PDB file of N, CA and C in Angstrom:
ATOM      1  N   MET A   1     112.058  96.427 107.911  1.00  0.00           N
ATOM      2  CA  MET A   1     113.083  97.247 107.280  1.00  0.00           C
ATOM      3  C   MET A   1     113.236  96.817 105.821  1.00  0.00           C
ATOM      4  N   ALA A   2     113.340  97.785 104.942  1.00  0.00           N
ATOM      5  CA  ALA A   2     113.499  97.482 103.524  1.00  0.00           C
ATOM      6  C   ALA A   2     114.787  96.693 103.308  1.00  0.00           C
ATOM      7  N   ASP A   3     114.744  95.791 102.309  1.00  0.00           N
ATOM      8  CA  ASP A   3     115.948  95.024 102.003  1.00  0.00           C
ATOM      9  C   ASP A   3     116.938  95.894 101.228  1.00  0.00           C
ATOM     10  N   GLN A   4     118.066  95.315 100.834  1.00  0.00           N
ATOM     11  CA  GLN A   4     119.124  96.093 100.174  1.00  0.00           C
ATOM     12  C   GLN A   4     118.687  96.681  98.839  1.00  0.00           C
ATOM     13  N   ASP A   5     117.643  96.125  98.217  1.00  0.00           N
ATOM     14  CA  ASP A   5     117.151  96.643  96.943  1.00  0.00           C
ATOM     15  C   ASP A   5     115.989  97.620  97.109  1.00  0.00           C
ATOM     16  N   GLY A   6     115.605  97.901  98.347  1.00  0.00           N
ATOM     17  CA  GLY A   6     114.552  98.875  98.599  1.00  0.00           C
ATOM     18  C   GLY A   6     113.150  98.305  98.656  1.00  0.00           C
ATOM     19  N   HIS A   7     113.017  96.979  98.770  1.00  0.00           N
ATOM     20  CA  HIS A   7     111.693  96.366  98.904  1.00  0.00           C
ATOM     21  C   HIS A   7     111.271  96.430 100.372  1.00  0.00           C
ATOM     22  N   PRO A   8     110.220  97.177 100.684  1.00  0.00           N
ATOM     23  CA  PRO A   8     109.795  97.264 102.084  1.00  0.00           C
ATOM     24  C   PRO A   8     109.108  95.981 102.548  1.00  0.00           C
ATOM     25  N   ASP A   9     109.182  95.721 103.841  1.00  0.00           N
ATOM     26  CA  ASP A   9     108.412  94.634 104.435  1.00  0.00           C
ATOM     27  C   ASP A   9     106.943  95.042 104.437  1.00  0.00           C
ATOM     28  N   ARG A  10     106.060  94.058 104.559  1.00  0.00           N
ATOM     29  CA  ARG A  10     104.619  94.346 104.601  1.00  0.00           C
ATOM     30  C   ARG A  10     104.263  95.382 105.654  1.00  0.00           C
ATOM     31  N   ASP A  11     104.860  95.258 106.828  1.00  0.00           N
ATOM     32  CA  ASP A  11     104.497  96.171 107.916  1.00  0.00           C
ATOM     33  C   ASP A  11     105.007  97.594 107.679  1.00  0.00           C
ATOM     34  N   GLU A  12     105.774  97.797 106.628  1.00  0.00           N
ATOM     35  CA  GLU A  12     106.262  99.132 106.275  1.00  0.00           C
ATOM     36  C   GLU A  12     105.448  99.769 105.147  1.00  0.00           C
ATOM     37  N   PHE A  13     104.480  99.038 104.596  1.00  0.00           N
ATOM     38  CA  PHE A  13     103.666  99.595 103.519  1.00  0.00           C
ATOM     39  C   PHE A  13     102.954 100.842 104.024  1.00  0.00           C
ATOM     40  N   ASP A  14     102.960 101.864 103.197  1.00  0.00           N
ATOM     41  CA  ASP A  14     102.346 103.138 103.539  1.00  0.00           C
ATOM     42  C   ASP A  14     101.392 103.504 102.413  1.00  0.00           C
ATOM     43  N   LEU A  15     100.126 103.689 102.742  1.00  0.00           N
ATOM     44  CA  LEU A  15      99.122 103.960 101.720  1.00  0.00           C
ATOM     45  C   LEU A  15      99.448 105.218 100.922  1.00  0.00           C
ATOM     46  N   SER A  16      99.956 106.248 101.561  1.00  0.00           N
ATOM     47  CA  SER A  16     100.271 107.473 100.821  1.00  0.00           C
ATOM     48  C   SER A  16     101.382 107.240  99.804  1.00  0.00           C
ATOM     49  N   SER A  17     102.369 106.408 100.124  1.00  0.00           N
ATOM     50  CA  SER A  17     103.434 106.076  99.169  1.00  0.00           C
ATOM     51  C   SER A  17     102.881 105.270  97.998  1.00  0.00           C
ATOM     52  N   ILE A  18     101.983 104.355  98.300  1.00  0.00           N
ATOM     53  CA  ILE A  18     101.369 103.556  97.241  1.00  0.00           C
ATOM     54  C   ILE A  18     100.517 104.435  96.332  1.00  0.00           C
ATOM     55  N   LEU A  19      99.722 105.315  96.922  1.00  0.00           N
ATOM     56  CA  LEU A  19      98.881 106.200  96.109  1.00  0.00           C
ATOM     57  C   LEU A  19      99.728 107.172  95.293  1.00  0.00           C
ATOM     58  N   HIS A  20     100.822 107.634  95.864  1.00  0.00           N
ATOM     59  CA  HIS A  20     101.737 108.492  95.092  1.00  0.00           C
ATOM     60  C   HIS A  20     102.285 107.731  93.888  1.00  0.00           C
ATOM     61  N   ALA A  21     102.723 106.501  94.106  1.00  0.00           N
ATOM     62  CA  ALA A  21     103.265 105.695  93.005  1.00  0.00           C
ATOM     63  C   ALA A  21     102.213 105.479  91.919  1.00  0.00           C
ATOM     64  N   LEU A  22     100.969 105.302  92.332  1.00  0.00           N
ATOM     65  CA  LEU A  22      99.881 105.054  91.377  1.00  0.00           C
ATOM     66  C   LEU A  22      99.346 106.330  90.735  1.00  0.00           C
ATOM     67  N   SER A  23      99.774 107.495  91.211  1.00  0.00           N
ATOM     68  CA  SER A  23      99.265 108.751  90.660  1.00  0.00           C
ATOM     69  C   SER A  23      99.773 109.015  89.251  1.00  0.00           C
ATOM     70  N   ASP A  24     100.843 108.369  88.859  1.00  0.00           N
ATOM     71  CA  ASP A  24     101.364 108.505  87.503  1.00  0.00           C
ATOM     72  C   ASP A  24     100.706 107.449  86.618  1.00  0.00           C
ATOM     73  N   ALA A  25     100.111 107.879  85.520  1.00  0.00           N
ATOM     74  CA  ALA A  25      99.374 106.963  84.641  1.00  0.00           C
ATOM     75  C   ALA A  25     100.250 105.851  84.090  1.00  0.00           C
ATOM     76  N   ASN A  26     101.500 106.134  83.764  1.00  0.00           N
ATOM     77  CA  ASN A  26     102.386 105.097  83.228  1.00  0.00           C
ATOM     78  C   ASN A  26     102.762 104.070  84.292  1.00  0.00           C
ATOM     79  N   ARG A  27     103.027 104.535  85.514  1.00  0.00           N
ATOM     80  CA  ARG A  27     103.322 103.580  86.594  1.00  0.00           C
ATOM     81  C   ARG A  27     102.090 102.739  86.895  1.00  0.00           C
ATOM     82  N   ARG A  28     100.922 103.385  86.907  1.00  0.00           N
ATOM     83  CA  ARG A  28      99.677 102.640  87.129  1.00  0.00           C
ATOM     84  C   ARG A  28      99.482 101.588  86.040  1.00  0.00           C
ATOM     85  N   SER A  29      99.833 101.926  84.806  1.00  0.00           N
ATOM     86  CA  SER A  29      99.739 100.987  83.692  1.00  0.00           C
ATOM     87  C   SER A  29     100.599  99.740  83.925  1.00  0.00           C
ATOM     88  N   VAL A  30     101.784  99.926  84.484  1.00  0.00           N
ATOM     89  CA  VAL A  30     102.656  98.784  84.806  1.00  0.00           C
ATOM     90  C   VAL A  30     101.945  97.857  85.791  1.00  0.00           C
ATOM     91  N   ILE A  31     101.350  98.441  86.825  1.00  0.00           N
ATOM     92  CA  ILE A  31     100.676  97.639  87.851  1.00  0.00           C
ATOM     93  C   ILE A  31      99.481  96.901  87.251  1.00  0.00           C
ATOM     94  N   VAL A  32      98.710  97.573  86.430  1.00  0.00           N
ATOM     95  CA  VAL A  32      97.543  96.943  85.803  1.00  0.00           C
ATOM     96  C   VAL A  32      97.989  95.799  84.891  1.00  0.00           C
ATOM     97  N   GLN A  33      99.029  96.041  84.097  1.00  0.00           N
ATOM     98  CA  GLN A  33      99.516  94.982  83.202  1.00  0.00           C
ATOM     99  C   GLN A  33      99.983  93.761  84.002  1.00  0.00           C
ATOM    100  N   LEU A  34     100.701  93.987  85.093  1.00  0.00           N
ATOM    101  CA  LEU A  34     101.153  92.865  85.919  1.00  0.00           C
ATOM    102  C   LEU A  34      99.975  92.173  86.604  1.00  0.00           C
ATOM    103  N   ALA A  35      98.990  92.947  87.039  1.00  0.00           N
ATOM    104  CA  ALA A  35      97.831  92.372  87.736  1.00  0.00           C
ATOM    105  C   ALA A  35      96.994  91.505  86.815  1.00  0.00           C
ATOM    106  N   GLU A  36      97.021  91.780  85.526  1.00  0.00           N
ATOM    107  CA  GLU A  36      96.244  91.007  84.572  1.00  0.00           C
ATOM    108  C   GLU A  36      96.961  89.727  84.128  1.00  0.00           C
ATOM    109  N   GLU A  37      98.198  89.541  84.552  1.00  0.00           N
ATOM    110  CA  GLU A  37      98.966  88.332  84.264  1.00  0.00           C
ATOM    111  C   GLU A  37      98.762  87.315  85.393  1.00  0.00           C
ATOM    112  N   PRO A  38      99.056  86.048  85.124  1.00  0.00           N
ATOM    113  CA  PRO A  38      98.978  85.057  86.205  1.00  0.00           C
ATOM    114  C   PRO A  38      99.897  85.442  87.368  1.00  0.00           C
ATOM    115  N   ASP A  39      99.476  85.105  88.565  1.00  0.00           N
ATOM    116  CA  ASP A  39     100.237  85.425  89.767  1.00  0.00           C
ATOM    117  C   ASP A  39     101.664  84.900  89.634  1.00  0.00           C
ATOM    118  N   GLY A  40     102.632  85.721  90.002  1.00  0.00           N
ATOM    119  CA  GLY A  40     104.035  85.331  89.960  1.00  0.00           C
ATOM    120  C   GLY A  40     104.734  85.642  88.647  1.00  0.00           C
ATOM    121  N   THR A  41     104.005  86.165  87.662  1.00  0.00           N
ATOM    122  CA  THR A  41     104.613  86.512  86.380  1.00  0.00           C
ATOM    123  C   THR A  41     105.672  87.582  86.578  1.00  0.00           C
ATOM    124  N   GLU A  42     106.815  87.376  85.937  1.00  0.00           N
ATOM    125  CA  GLU A  42     107.892  88.360  85.964  1.00  0.00           C
ATOM    126  C   GLU A  42     108.090  88.891  84.545  1.00  0.00           C
ATOM    127  N   GLN A  43     108.288  90.195  84.437  1.00  0.00           N
ATOM    128  CA  GLN A  43     108.488  90.841  83.142  1.00  0.00           C
ATOM    129  C   GLN A  43     109.735  91.717  83.201  1.00  0.00           C
ATOM    130  N   LEU A  44     110.435  91.769  82.078  1.00  0.00           N
ATOM    131  CA  LEU A  44     111.512  92.742  81.964  1.00  0.00           C
ATOM    132  C   LEU A  44     110.896  94.137  81.888  1.00  0.00           C
ATOM    133  N   CYS A  45     111.581  95.121  82.394  1.00  0.00           N
ATOM    134  CA  CYS A  45     111.063  96.490  82.433  1.00  0.00           C
ATOM    135  C   CYS A  45     110.747  97.030  81.041  1.00  0.00           C
ATOM    136  N   THR A  46     111.409  96.504  80.031  1.00  0.00           N
ATOM    137  CA  THR A  46     111.230  97.018  78.672  1.00  0.00           C
ATOM    138  C   THR A  46     109.950  96.533  78.004  1.00  0.00           C
ATOM    139  N   VAL A  47     109.259  95.536  78.533  1.00  0.00           N
ATOM    140  CA  VAL A  47     108.087  94.973  77.852  1.00  0.00           C
ATOM    141  C   VAL A  47     106.805  95.782  78.058  1.00  0.00           C
ATOM    142  N   PHE A  48     106.842  96.776  78.908  1.00  0.00           N
ATOM    143  CA  PHE A  48     105.622  97.498  79.234  1.00  0.00           C
ATOM    144  C   PHE A  48     105.250  98.561  78.204  1.00  0.00           C
ATOM    145  N   GLY A  49     106.111  98.799  77.226  1.00  0.00           N
ATOM    146  CA  GLY A  49     105.799  99.739  76.158  1.00  0.00           C
ATOM    147  C   GLY A  49     105.631 101.174  76.627  1.00  0.00           C
ATOM    148  N   LEU A  50     106.480 101.588  77.532  1.00  0.00           N
ATOM    149  CA  LEU A  50     106.357 102.935  78.103  1.00  0.00           C
ATOM    150  C   LEU A  50     107.315 103.910  77.423  1.00  0.00           C
ATOM    151  N   PRO A  51     106.950 105.181  77.394  1.00  0.00           N
ATOM    152  CA  PRO A  51     107.747 106.176  76.678  1.00  0.00           C
ATOM    153  C   PRO A  51     108.910 106.743  77.497  1.00  0.00           C
ATOM    154  N   TRP A  52     109.518 105.940  78.336  1.00  0.00           N
ATOM    155  CA  TRP A  52     110.553 106.431  79.227  1.00  0.00           C
ATOM    156  C   TRP A  52     111.944 106.112  78.698  1.00  0.00           C
ATOM    157  N   ALA A  53     112.828 107.073  78.841  1.00  0.00           N
ATOM    158  CA  ALA A  53     114.244 106.820  78.589  1.00  0.00           C
ATOM    159  C   ALA A  53     114.745 105.893  79.702  1.00  0.00           C
ATOM    160  N   PRO A  54     115.838 105.169  79.474  1.00  0.00           N
ATOM    161  CA  PRO A  54     116.318 104.233  80.500  1.00  0.00           C
ATOM    162  C   PRO A  54     116.502 104.847  81.885  1.00  0.00           C
ATOM    163  N   SER A  55     117.042 106.044  81.981  1.00  0.00           N
ATOM    164  CA  SER A  55     117.254 106.634  83.309  1.00  0.00           C
ATOM    165  C   SER A  55     115.919 106.992  83.969  1.00  0.00           C
ATOM    166  N   THR A  56     114.962 107.438  83.180  1.00  0.00           N
ATOM    167  CA  THR A  56     113.635 107.755  83.711  1.00  0.00           C
ATOM    168  C   THR A  56     112.922 106.475  84.124  1.00  0.00           C
ATOM    169  N   ARG A  57     113.085 105.417  83.341  1.00  0.00           N
ATOM    170  CA  ARG A  57     112.483 104.128  83.661  1.00  0.00           C
ATOM    171  C   ARG A  57     113.005 103.635  85.009  1.00  0.00           C
ATOM    172  N   THR A  58     114.301 103.800  85.237  1.00  0.00           N
ATOM    173  CA  THR A  58     114.897 103.393  86.514  1.00  0.00           C
ATOM    174  C   THR A  58     114.225 104.130  87.671  1.00  0.00           C
ATOM    175  N   HIS A  59     114.023 105.419  87.514  1.00  0.00           N
ATOM    176  CA  HIS A  59     113.366 106.214  88.561  1.00  0.00           C
ATOM    177  C   HIS A  59     111.952 105.698  88.839  1.00  0.00           C
ATOM    178  N   HIS A  60     111.155 105.522  87.786  1.00  0.00           N
ATOM    179  CA  HIS A  60     109.761 105.131  87.970  1.00  0.00           C
ATOM    180  C   HIS A  60     109.637 103.736  88.591  1.00  0.00           C
ATOM    181  N   PHE A  61     110.479 102.817  88.181  1.00  0.00           N
ATOM    182  CA  PHE A  61     110.427 101.483  88.786  1.00  0.00           C
ATOM    183  C   PHE A  61     110.915 101.514  90.229  1.00  0.00           C
ATOM    184  N   ARG A  62     111.821 102.410  90.558  1.00  0.00           N
ATOM    185  CA  ARG A  62     112.242 102.563  91.960  1.00  0.00           C
ATOM    186  C   ARG A  62     111.071 103.056  92.806  1.00  0.00           C
ATOM    187  N   VAL A  63     110.291 103.998  92.281  1.00  0.00           N
ATOM    188  CA  VAL A  63     109.115 104.495  93.001  1.00  0.00           C
ATOM    189  C   VAL A  63     108.148 103.340  93.273  1.00  0.00           C
ATOM    190  N   LEU A  64     107.888 102.520  92.262  1.00  0.00           N
ATOM    191  CA  LEU A  64     106.991 101.364  92.425  1.00  0.00           C
ATOM    192  C   LEU A  64     107.557 100.365  93.442  1.00  0.00           C
ATOM    193  N   ARG A  65     108.854 100.106  93.343  1.00  0.00           N
ATOM    194  CA  ARG A  65     109.507  99.139  94.235  1.00  0.00           C
ATOM    195  C   ARG A  65     109.501  99.632  95.680  1.00  0.00           C
ATOM    196  N   GLU A  66     109.868 100.889  95.893  1.00  0.00           N
ATOM    197  CA  GLU A  66     109.961 101.413  97.255  1.00  0.00           C
ATOM    198  C   GLU A  66     108.595 101.609  97.898  1.00  0.00           C
ATOM    199  N   ALA A  67     107.550 101.713  97.088  1.00  0.00           N
ATOM    200  CA  ALA A  67     106.186 101.773  97.628  1.00  0.00           C
ATOM    201  C   ALA A  67     105.698 100.383  98.022  1.00  0.00           C
ATOM    202  N   GLY A  68     106.359  99.349  97.517  1.00  0.00           N
ATOM    203  CA  GLY A  68     105.967  97.978  97.834  1.00  0.00           C
ATOM    204  C   GLY A  68     105.055  97.350  96.800  1.00  0.00           C
ATOM    205  N   LEU A  69     104.841  98.013  95.685  1.00  0.00           N
ATOM    206  CA  LEU A  69     103.940  97.482  94.658  1.00  0.00           C
ATOM    207  C   LEU A  69     104.565  96.361  93.844  1.00  0.00           C
ATOM    208  N   VAL A  70     105.871  96.441  93.613  1.00  0.00           N
ATOM    209  CA  VAL A  70     106.548  95.430  92.803  1.00  0.00           C
ATOM    210  C   VAL A  70     107.788  94.919  93.521  1.00  0.00           C
ATOM    211  N   ARG A  71     108.206  93.755  93.081  1.00  0.00           N
ATOM    212  CA  ARG A  71     109.485  93.190  93.507  1.00  0.00           C
ATOM    213  C   ARG A  71     110.325  93.064  92.248  1.00  0.00           C
ATOM    214  N   GLN A  72     111.590  93.424  92.348  1.00  0.00           N
ATOM    215  CA  GLN A  72     112.481  93.318  91.207  1.00  0.00           C
ATOM    216  C   GLN A  72     113.697  92.487  91.574  1.00  0.00           C
ATOM    217  N   ARG A  73     114.200  91.785  90.568  1.00  0.00           N
ATOM    218  CA  ARG A  73     115.445  91.041  90.763  1.00  0.00           C
ATOM    219  C   ARG A  73     116.281  91.173  89.501  1.00  0.00           C
ATOM    220  N   ASP A  74     117.575  91.287  89.709  1.00  0.00           N
ATOM    221  CA  ASP A  74     118.507  91.434  88.599  1.00  0.00           C
ATOM    222  C   ASP A  74     118.713  90.097  87.904  1.00  0.00           C
ATOM    223  N   VAL A  75     118.691  90.153  86.571  1.00  0.00           N
ATOM    224  CA  VAL A  75     118.961  88.981  85.741  1.00  0.00           C
ATOM    225  C   VAL A  75     119.815  89.461  84.581  1.00  0.00           C
ATOM    226  N   GLY A  76     121.072  89.036  84.558  1.00  0.00           N
ATOM    227  CA  GLY A  76     121.966  89.514  83.511  1.00  0.00           C
ATOM    228  C   GLY A  76     122.070  91.025  83.576  1.00  0.00           C
ATOM    229  N   ASN A  77     121.816  91.680  82.439  1.00  0.00           N
ATOM    230  CA  ASN A  77     121.889  93.142  82.437  1.00  0.00           C
ATOM    231  C   ASN A  77     120.503  93.783  82.500  1.00  0.00           C
ATOM    232  N   GLY A  78     119.507  93.027  82.941  1.00  0.00           N
ATOM    233  CA  GLY A  78     118.150  93.549  83.066  1.00  0.00           C
ATOM    234  C   GLY A  78     117.580  93.276  84.449  1.00  0.00           C
ATOM    235  N   ARG A  79     116.346  93.698  84.622  1.00  0.00           N
ATOM    236  CA  ARG A  79     115.634  93.461  85.877  1.00  0.00           C
ATOM    237  C   ARG A  79     114.276  92.874  85.570  1.00  0.00           C
ATOM    238  N   LEU A  80     113.940  91.829  86.284  1.00  0.00           N
ATOM    239  CA  LEU A  80     112.609  91.244  86.181  1.00  0.00           C
ATOM    240  C   LEU A  80     111.735  91.859  87.269  1.00  0.00           C
ATOM    241  N   THR A  81     110.522  92.189  86.895  1.00  0.00           N
ATOM    242  CA  THR A  81     109.583  92.845  87.793  1.00  0.00           C
ATOM    243  C   THR A  81     108.362  91.978  87.978  1.00  0.00           C
ATOM    244  N   SER A  82     107.925  91.817  89.210  1.00  0.00           N
ATOM    245  CA  SER A  82     106.695  91.084  89.506  1.00  0.00           C
ATOM    246  C   SER A  82     105.862  91.894  90.495  1.00  0.00           C
ATOM    247  N   LEU A  83     104.573  91.678  90.428  1.00  0.00           N
ATOM    248  CA  LEU A  83     103.631  92.353  91.311  1.00  0.00           C
ATOM    249  C   LEU A  83     103.638  91.671  92.676  1.00  0.00           C
ATOM    250  N   ARG A  84     103.611  92.445  93.741  1.00  0.00           N
ATOM    251  CA  ARG A  84     103.558  91.888  95.094  1.00  0.00           C
ATOM    252  C   ARG A  84     102.095  91.719  95.516  1.00  0.00           C
ATOM    253  N   ARG A  85     101.377  90.942  94.725  1.00  0.00           N
ATOM    254  CA  ARG A  85      99.935  90.777  94.891  1.00  0.00           C
ATOM    255  C   ARG A  85      99.552  90.278  96.286  1.00  0.00           C
ATOM    256  N   SER A  86     100.157  89.207  96.736  1.00  0.00           N
ATOM    257  CA  SER A  86      99.750  88.642  98.033  1.00  0.00           C
ATOM    258  C   SER A  86     100.051  89.602  99.181  1.00  0.00           C
ATOM    259  N   ASP A  87     101.175  90.303  99.110  1.00  0.00           N
ATOM    260  CA  ASP A  87     101.501  91.283 100.147  1.00  0.00           C
ATOM    261  C   ASP A  87     100.497  92.435 100.142  1.00  0.00           C
ATOM    262  N   LEU A  88     100.195  92.946  98.943  1.00  0.00           N
ATOM    263  CA  LEU A  88      99.239  94.057  98.844  1.00  0.00           C
ATOM    264  C   LEU A  88      97.848  93.637  99.288  1.00  0.00           C
ATOM    265  N   ASP A  89      97.418  92.440  98.879  1.00  0.00           N
ATOM    266  CA  ASP A  89      96.091  91.955  99.276  1.00  0.00           C
ATOM    267  C   ASP A  89      95.998  91.750 100.789  1.00  0.00           C
ATOM    268  N   ALA A  90      97.110  91.356 101.399  1.00  0.00           N
ATOM    269  CA  ALA A  90      97.107  91.148 102.849  1.00  0.00           C
ATOM    270  C   ALA A  90      97.015  92.477 103.612  1.00  0.00           C
ATOM    271  N   VAL A  91      97.700  93.490 103.118  1.00  0.00           N
ATOM    272  CA  VAL A  91      97.747  94.770 103.829  1.00  0.00           C
ATOM    273  C   VAL A  91      96.588  95.682 103.434  1.00  0.00           C
ATOM    274  N   PHE A  92      96.257  95.702 102.147  1.00  0.00           N
ATOM    275  CA  PHE A  92      95.187  96.559 101.633  1.00  0.00           C
ATOM    276  C   PHE A  92      94.225  95.714 100.793  1.00  0.00           C
ATOM    277  N   PRO A  93      93.381  94.907 101.439  1.00  0.00           N
ATOM    278  CA  PRO A  93      92.480  94.017 100.705  1.00  0.00           C
ATOM    279  C   PRO A  93      91.609  94.798  99.712  1.00  0.00           C
ATOM    280  N   GLY A  94      91.570  94.296  98.482  1.00  0.00           N
ATOM    281  CA  GLY A  94      90.715  94.879  97.459  1.00  0.00           C
ATOM    282  C   GLY A  94      91.321  96.040  96.689  1.00  0.00           C
ATOM    283  N   LEU A  95      92.452  96.562  97.125  1.00  0.00           N
ATOM    284  CA  LEU A  95      93.042  97.718  96.455  1.00  0.00           C
ATOM    285  C   LEU A  95      93.401  97.416  95.000  1.00  0.00           C
ATOM    286  N   LEU A  96      94.086  96.309  94.761  1.00  0.00           N
ATOM    287  CA  LEU A  96      94.455  95.974  93.382  1.00  0.00           C
ATOM    288  C   LEU A  96      93.229  95.762  92.508  1.00  0.00           C
ATOM    289  N   ASP A  97      92.218  95.109  93.041  1.00  0.00           N
ATOM    290  CA  ASP A  97      90.990  94.902  92.269  1.00  0.00           C
ATOM    291  C   ASP A  97      90.366  96.234  91.877  1.00  0.00           C
ATOM    292  N   GLN A  98      90.400  97.201  92.778  1.00  0.00           N
ATOM    293  CA  GLN A  98      89.846  98.521  92.487  1.00  0.00           C
ATOM    294  C   GLN A  98      90.662  99.243  91.413  1.00  0.00           C
ATOM    295  N   ILE A  99      91.969  99.116  91.481  1.00  0.00           N
ATOM    296  CA  ILE A  99      92.843  99.761  90.494  1.00  0.00           C
ATOM    297  C   ILE A  99      92.592  99.178  89.110  1.00  0.00           C
ATOM    298  N   VAL A 100      92.573  97.853  89.024  1.00  0.00           N
ATOM    299  CA  VAL A 100      92.350  97.186  87.732  1.00  0.00           C
ATOM    300  C   VAL A 100      90.945  97.490  87.224  1.00  0.00           C
ATOM    301  N   GLY A 101      89.958  97.443  88.101  1.00  0.00           N
ATOM    302  CA  GLY A 101      88.580  97.738  87.707  1.00  0.00           C
ATOM    303  C   GLY A 101      88.420  99.155  87.187  1.00  0.00           C
ATOM    304  N   ALA A 102      89.047 100.113  87.848  1.00  0.00           N
ATOM    305  CA  ALA A 102      88.973 101.504  87.402  1.00  0.00           C
ATOM    306  C   ALA A 102      89.648 101.676  86.055  1.00  0.00           C
ATOM    307  N   ASP A 103      90.748 100.967  85.839  1.00  0.00           N
ATOM    308  CA  ASP A 103      91.442 101.046  84.554  1.00  0.00           C
ATOM    309  C   ASP A 103      90.575 100.469  83.434  1.00  0.00           C
ATOM    310  N   ARG A 104      89.962  99.340  83.693  1.00  0.00           N
ATOM    311  CA  ARG A 104      89.068  98.721  82.689  1.00  0.00           C
ATOM    312  C   ARG A 104      87.888  99.640  82.367  1.00  0.00           C
ATOM    313  N   LYS A 105      87.330 100.249  83.404  1.00  0.00           N
ATOM    314  CA  LYS A 105      86.214 101.166  83.201  1.00  0.00           C
ATOM    315  C   LYS A 105      86.656 102.363  82.367  1.00  0.00           C
ATOM    316  N   GLY A 106      87.833 102.885  82.665  1.00  0.00           N
ATOM    317  CA  GLY A 106      88.365 104.019  81.904  1.00  0.00           C
ATOM    318  C   GLY A 106      88.589 103.675  80.445  1.00  0.00           C
ATOM    319  N   ARG A 107      89.093 102.459  80.192  1.00  0.00           N
ATOM    320  CA  ARG A 107      89.293 102.029  78.800  1.00  0.00           C
ATOM    321  C   ARG A 107      87.955 101.853  78.096  1.00  0.00           C
ATOM    322  N   ALA A 108      86.958 101.303  78.794  1.00  0.00           N
ATOM    323  CA  ALA A 108      85.643 101.094  78.192  1.00  0.00           C
ATOM    324  C   ALA A 108      84.969 102.427  77.890  1.00  0.00           C
ATOM    325  N   ASP A 109      85.127 103.401  78.761  1.00  0.00           N
ATOM    326  CA  ASP A 109      84.518 104.723  78.558  1.00  0.00           C
ATOM    327  C   ASP A 109      85.120 105.432  77.344  1.00  0.00           C
ATOM    328  N   LYS A 110      86.390 105.134  77.046  1.00  0.00           N
ATOM    329  CA  LYS A 110      87.067 105.785  75.908  1.00  0.00           C
ATOM    330  C   LYS A 110      86.690 105.160  74.569  1.00  0.00           C
ATOM    331  N   SER A 111      86.167 103.934  74.614  1.00  0.00           N
ATOM    332  CA  SER A 111      85.849 103.272  73.333  1.00  0.00           C
ATOM    333  C   SER A 111      84.416 103.463  72.911  1.00  0.00           C
TER     334      SER A 111
END
């Protein structure tokens, strides 16, 4: 059962929810940026350089959180976001590697 902040347990992960969350290029960018950081890195939502207004940012991070891709915790008047790498790797082995690899390939093709 999801906790009070909407973080699902591993056994509640749903591939269609994860793929829906990743279907938005900006949300996918958040996941790629977190995946390229050392495991356990937490970032404020504002550091991702996304073109979202605060209310829209709240929506998009909720989609990521409820899909199980990220964990968030409140700190002061902000939220720290971290990638749920070990949970995702346990339930969907190789998925994050494929997402990051596809993003790198896409960036290389554009240059």
